[in-house]
């Protein structure tokens, strides 16, 4: 474990002490848990991004039909 000194304004420090007391823990431990959760989330996002970007790309559609042109897409009575 490493000790770290942080600087908080008086109102934030008071709020942190109250929240820690409600959780029956110290401000230091509470902050450590919050930072651990943030680190875990960042690692999960990185892993998910690697999995997603590592997937092979494929065609958008299976048929040989051409994509519709802009005019046919926007030629709808609702848009007139």
C-alpha atoms as a PDB file:
ATOM      1  CA  UNK A   1       0.000   0.000   0.000  1.00  0.00           C
ATOM      2  CA  UNK A   2       1.125   3.515  -0.796  1.00  0.00           C
ATOM      3  CA  UNK A   3       0.162   6.678   1.031  1.00  0.00           C
ATOM      4  CA  UNK A   4      -0.899   9.641  -1.073  1.00  0.00           C
ATOM      5  CA  UNK A   5      -1.643  13.152   0.086  1.00  0.00           C
ATOM      6  CA  UNK A   6      -4.567  14.920  -1.554  1.00  0.00           C
ATOM      7  CA  UNK A   7      -5.838  18.458  -1.222  1.00  0.00           C
ATOM      8  CA  UNK A   8      -9.560  19.119  -0.895  1.00  0.00           C
ATOM      9  CA  UNK A   9     -11.537  22.234  -0.232  1.00  0.00           C
ATOM     10  CA  UNK A  10     -13.142  22.294   3.200  1.00  0.00           C
ATOM     11  CA  UNK A  11     -16.678  21.548   1.971  1.00  0.00           C
ATOM     12  CA  UNK A  12     -15.568  18.529  -0.078  1.00  0.00           C
ATOM     13  CA  UNK A  13     -13.464  17.207   2.798  1.00  0.00           C
ATOM     14  CA  UNK A  14     -16.427  17.491   5.167  1.00  0.00           C
ATOM     15  CA  UNK A  15     -18.691  15.707   2.689  1.00  0.00           C
ATOM     16  CA  UNK A  16     -16.094  12.934   2.219  1.00  0.00           C
ATOM     17  CA  UNK A  17     -15.776  12.408   5.991  1.00  0.00           C
ATOM     18  CA  UNK A  18     -19.556  12.139   6.335  1.00  0.00           C
ATOM     19  CA  UNK A  19     -19.822   9.670   3.440  1.00  0.00           C
ATOM     20  CA  UNK A  20     -16.986   7.559   4.843  1.00  0.00           C
ATOM     21  CA  UNK A  21     -18.629   7.518   8.278  1.00  0.00           C
ATOM     22  CA  UNK A  22     -21.912   6.364   6.736  1.00  0.00           C
ATOM     23  CA  UNK A  23     -20.030   3.501   5.098  1.00  0.00           C
ATOM     24  CA  UNK A  24     -18.157   2.768   8.333  1.00  0.00           C
ATOM     25  CA  UNK A  25     -14.785   3.276   6.664  1.00  0.00           C
ATOM     26  CA  UNK A  26     -12.096   5.931   6.306  1.00  0.00           C
ATOM     27  CA  UNK A  27     -11.880   8.614   3.644  1.00  0.00           C
ATOM     28  CA  UNK A  28      -8.616   7.057   2.504  1.00  0.00           C
ATOM     29  CA  UNK A  29     -10.119   3.593   2.055  1.00  0.00           C
ATOM     30  CA  UNK A  30     -13.245   5.016   0.382  1.00  0.00           C
ATOM     31  CA  UNK A  31     -11.150   6.987  -2.091  1.00  0.00           C
ATOM     32  CA  UNK A  32      -8.994   3.933  -2.746  1.00  0.00           C
ATOM     33  CA  UNK A  33     -12.099   1.876  -3.544  1.00  0.00           C
ATOM     34  CA  UNK A  34     -13.444   4.569  -5.892  1.00  0.00           C
ATOM     35  CA  UNK A  35     -10.121   4.734  -7.745  1.00  0.00           C
ATOM     36  CA  UNK A  36      -9.981   0.927  -7.960  1.00  0.00           C
ATOM     37  CA  UNK A  37     -13.480   0.874  -9.492  1.00  0.00           C
ATOM     38  CA  UNK A  38     -12.454   3.531 -12.021  1.00  0.00           C
ATOM     39  CA  UNK A  39      -9.350   1.530 -12.958  1.00  0.00           C
ATOM     40  CA  UNK A  40     -11.381  -1.678 -13.349  1.00  0.00           C
ATOM     41  CA  UNK A  41     -13.918   0.079 -15.588  1.00  0.00           C
ATOM     42  CA  UNK A  42     -11.155   1.501 -17.760  1.00  0.00           C
ATOM     43  CA  UNK A  43      -9.596  -1.947 -18.143  1.00  0.00           C
ATOM     44  CA  UNK A  44     -12.991  -3.457 -19.030  1.00  0.00           C
ATOM     45  CA  UNK A  45     -13.574  -0.783 -21.664  1.00  0.00           C
ATOM     46  CA  UNK A  46     -10.141  -1.396 -23.124  1.00  0.00           C
ATOM     47  CA  UNK A  47     -10.742  -5.136 -23.268  1.00  0.00           C
ATOM     48  CA  UNK A  48     -14.161  -4.650 -24.884  1.00  0.00           C
ATOM     49  CA  UNK A  49     -12.709  -2.242 -27.447  1.00  0.00           C
ATOM     50  CA  UNK A  50      -9.925  -4.679 -28.320  1.00  0.00           C
ATOM     51  CA  UNK A  51     -12.455  -7.503 -28.759  1.00  0.00           C
ATOM     52  CA  UNK A  52     -14.729  -5.361 -30.909  1.00  0.00           C
ATOM     53  CA  UNK A  53     -11.972  -3.924 -33.075  1.00  0.00           C
ATOM     54  CA  UNK A  54     -10.307  -7.327 -33.385  1.00  0.00           C
ATOM     55  CA  UNK A  55     -13.321  -8.896 -35.059  1.00  0.00           C
ATOM     56  CA  UNK A  56     -13.039  -9.461 -38.797  1.00  0.00           C
ATOM     57  CA  UNK A  57     -15.017  -7.128 -40.999  1.00  0.00           C
ATOM     58  CA  UNK A  58     -17.639  -8.419 -43.364  1.00  0.00           C
ATOM     59  CA  UNK A  59     -19.996  -7.193 -46.034  1.00  0.00           C
ATOM     60  CA  UNK A  60     -22.940  -5.086 -44.980  1.00  0.00           C
ATOM     61  CA  UNK A  61     -25.319  -7.275 -46.907  1.00  0.00           C
ATOM     62  CA  UNK A  62     -25.298 -10.715 -48.442  1.00  0.00           C
ATOM     63  CA  UNK A  63     -27.072 -10.048 -51.742  1.00  0.00           C
ATOM     64  CA  UNK A  64     -25.644  -8.610 -54.950  1.00  0.00           C
ATOM     65  CA  UNK A  65     -28.403  -6.036 -55.222  1.00  0.00           C
ATOM     66  CA  UNK A  66     -27.187  -2.441 -55.426  1.00  0.00           C
ATOM     67  CA  UNK A  67     -27.822  -0.074 -52.565  1.00  0.00           C
ATOM     68  CA  UNK A  68     -30.715   2.347 -53.076  1.00  0.00           C
ATOM     69  CA  UNK A  69     -29.816   5.813 -54.284  1.00  0.00           C
ATOM     70  CA  UNK A  70     -30.516   8.942 -52.273  1.00  0.00           C
ATOM     71  CA  UNK A  71     -33.520  10.019 -54.350  1.00  0.00           C
ATOM     72  CA  UNK A  72     -35.386   6.759 -53.856  1.00  0.00           C
ATOM     73  CA  UNK A  73     -34.694   6.799 -50.122  1.00  0.00           C
ATOM     74  CA  UNK A  74     -36.041  10.305 -49.653  1.00  0.00           C
ATOM     75  CA  UNK A  75     -38.922  10.059 -52.129  1.00  0.00           C
ATOM     76  CA  UNK A  76     -41.528   9.281 -49.501  1.00  0.00           C
ATOM     77  CA  UNK A  77     -44.886  10.969 -48.995  1.00  0.00           C
ATOM     78  CA  UNK A  78     -44.114  11.544 -45.325  1.00  0.00           C
ATOM     79  CA  UNK A  79     -41.237  13.843 -46.234  1.00  0.00           C
ATOM     80  CA  UNK A  80     -43.186  15.940 -48.702  1.00  0.00           C
END
